[in-house]
Protein backbone atom coordinates (compact mmCIF):
# COMPACT_ATOMS: atom_id res chain seq x y z
CA UNK A 1 0.00 0.00 0.00
CA UNK A 2 2.97 2.29 0.39
CA UNK A 3 4.66 1.60 -2.93
CA UNK A 4 3.02 -0.12 -5.85
CA UNK A 5 -0.62 0.63 -4.94
CA UNK A 6 -0.16 3.99 -3.23
CA UNK A 7 -1.85 5.98 -6.00
CA UNK A 8 -4.96 3.77 -5.81
CA UNK A 9 -5.55 3.93 -2.04
CA UNK A 10 -6.55 6.95 0.01
CA UNK A 11 -4.83 7.74 3.30
CA UNK A 12 -7.96 6.84 5.27
CA UNK A 13 -8.22 3.46 3.50
CA UNK A 14 -4.55 2.81 4.18
CA UNK A 15 -5.00 3.61 7.86
CA UNK A 16 -8.03 1.32 8.03
CA UNK A 17 -6.16 -1.58 6.41
CA UNK A 18 -3.17 -1.11 8.67
CA UNK A 19 -5.33 -0.96 11.79
CA UNK A 20 -7.24 -4.12 10.83
CA UNK A 21 -4.03 -5.99 10.05
CA UNK A 22 -2.51 -4.94 13.37
CA UNK A 23 -5.67 -6.07 15.18
CA UNK A 24 -5.50 -9.51 13.54
CA UNK A 25 -1.77 -9.84 14.24
CA UNK A 26 -2.36 -9.03 17.90
CA UNK A 27 -5.15 -11.61 18.03
CA UNK A 28 -2.94 -14.26 16.39
CA UNK A 29 -0.17 -13.88 18.95
CA UNK A 30 -2.50 -13.58 21.94
CA UNK A 31 -5.94 -15.22 21.90
CA UNK A 32 -5.67 -16.89 18.51
CA UNK A 33 -2.63 -18.96 19.28
CA UNK A 34 -4.58 -22.05 20.33
CA UNK A 35 -7.71 -21.72 18.20
CA UNK A 36 -9.14 -24.36 15.89
CA UNK A 37 -8.83 -24.28 12.11
CA UNK A 38 -12.47 -23.17 11.84
CA UNK A 39 -11.76 -20.02 13.81
CA UNK A 40 -8.80 -19.18 11.56
CA UNK A 41 -10.95 -19.72 8.47
CA UNK A 42 -13.63 -17.42 9.92
CA UNK A 43 -11.02 -14.72 10.63
CA UNK A 44 -9.71 -15.02 7.08
CA UNK A 45 -13.20 -14.66 5.63
CA UNK A 46 -13.74 -11.59 7.81
CA UNK A 47 -10.56 -10.03 6.38
CA UNK A 48 -11.69 -10.67 2.81
CA UNK A 49 -14.77 -8.47 3.27
C-alpha atoms as a PDB file:
ATOM      1  CA  UNK A   1       0.000   0.000   0.000  1.00  0.00           C
ATOM      2  CA  UNK A   2       2.971   2.294   0.386  1.00  0.00           C
ATOM      3  CA  UNK A   3       4.661   1.604  -2.932  1.00  0.00           C
ATOM      4  CA  UNK A   4       3.016  -0.121  -5.849  1.00  0.00           C
ATOM      5  CA  UNK A   5      -0.619   0.627  -4.938  1.00  0.00           C
ATOM      6  CA  UNK A   6      -0.156   3.989  -3.227  1.00  0.00           C
ATOM      7  CA  UNK A   7      -1.851   5.981  -5.997  1.00  0.00           C
ATOM      8  CA  UNK A   8      -4.963   3.774  -5.811  1.00  0.00           C
ATOM      9  CA  UNK A   9      -5.554   3.927  -2.041  1.00  0.00           C
ATOM     10  CA  UNK A  10      -6.549   6.951   0.009  1.00  0.00           C
ATOM     11  CA  UNK A  11      -4.834   7.737   3.299  1.00  0.00           C
ATOM     12  CA  UNK A  12      -7.958   6.840   5.272  1.00  0.00           C
ATOM     13  CA  UNK A  13      -8.220   3.460   3.505  1.00  0.00           C
ATOM     14  CA  UNK A  14      -4.546   2.805   4.178  1.00  0.00           C
ATOM     15  CA  UNK A  15      -4.996   3.610   7.859  1.00  0.00           C
ATOM     16  CA  UNK A  16      -8.030   1.321   8.025  1.00  0.00           C
ATOM     17  CA  UNK A  17      -6.159  -1.575   6.405  1.00  0.00           C
ATOM     18  CA  UNK A  18      -3.166  -1.110   8.673  1.00  0.00           C
ATOM     19  CA  UNK A  19      -5.331  -0.956  11.794  1.00  0.00           C
ATOM     20  CA  UNK A  20      -7.237  -4.116  10.833  1.00  0.00           C
ATOM     21  CA  UNK A  21      -4.028  -5.994  10.048  1.00  0.00           C
ATOM     22  CA  UNK A  22      -2.513  -4.941  13.374  1.00  0.00           C
ATOM     23  CA  UNK A  23      -5.670  -6.068  15.176  1.00  0.00           C
ATOM     24  CA  UNK A  24      -5.496  -9.507  13.544  1.00  0.00           C
ATOM     25  CA  UNK A  25      -1.771  -9.841  14.236  1.00  0.00           C
ATOM     26  CA  UNK A  26      -2.356  -9.033  17.901  1.00  0.00           C
ATOM     27  CA  UNK A  27      -5.154 -11.614  18.031  1.00  0.00           C
ATOM     28  CA  UNK A  28      -2.944 -14.263  16.394  1.00  0.00           C
ATOM     29  CA  UNK A  29      -0.170 -13.875  18.949  1.00  0.00           C
ATOM     30  CA  UNK A  30      -2.498 -13.585  21.943  1.00  0.00           C
ATOM     31  CA  UNK A  31      -5.942 -15.216  21.905  1.00  0.00           C
ATOM     32  CA  UNK A  32      -5.668 -16.889  18.507  1.00  0.00           C
ATOM     33  CA  UNK A  33      -2.625 -18.960  19.282  1.00  0.00           C
ATOM     34  CA  UNK A  34      -4.579 -22.054  20.331  1.00  0.00           C
ATOM     35  CA  UNK A  35      -7.714 -21.722  18.201  1.00  0.00           C
ATOM     36  CA  UNK A  36      -9.145 -24.362  15.886  1.00  0.00           C
ATOM     37  CA  UNK A  37      -8.835 -24.284  12.108  1.00  0.00           C
ATOM     38  CA  UNK A  38     -12.468 -23.175  11.843  1.00  0.00           C
ATOM     39  CA  UNK A  39     -11.761 -20.016  13.814  1.00  0.00           C
ATOM     40  CA  UNK A  40      -8.795 -19.185  11.559  1.00  0.00           C
ATOM     41  CA  UNK A  41     -10.945 -19.719   8.469  1.00  0.00           C
ATOM     42  CA  UNK A  42     -13.626 -17.425   9.915  1.00  0.00           C
ATOM     43  CA  UNK A  43     -11.024 -14.721  10.628  1.00  0.00           C
ATOM     44  CA  UNK A  44      -9.709 -15.025   7.076  1.00  0.00           C
ATOM     45  CA  UNK A  45     -13.197 -14.656   5.630  1.00  0.00           C
ATOM     46  CA  UNK A  46     -13.737 -11.594   7.813  1.00  0.00           C
ATOM     47  CA  UNK A  47     -10.562 -10.030   6.382  1.00  0.00           C
ATOM     48  CA  UNK A  48     -11.687 -10.675   2.814  1.00  0.00           C
ATOM     49  CA  UNK A  49     -14.772  -8.468   3.268  1.00  0.00           C
END
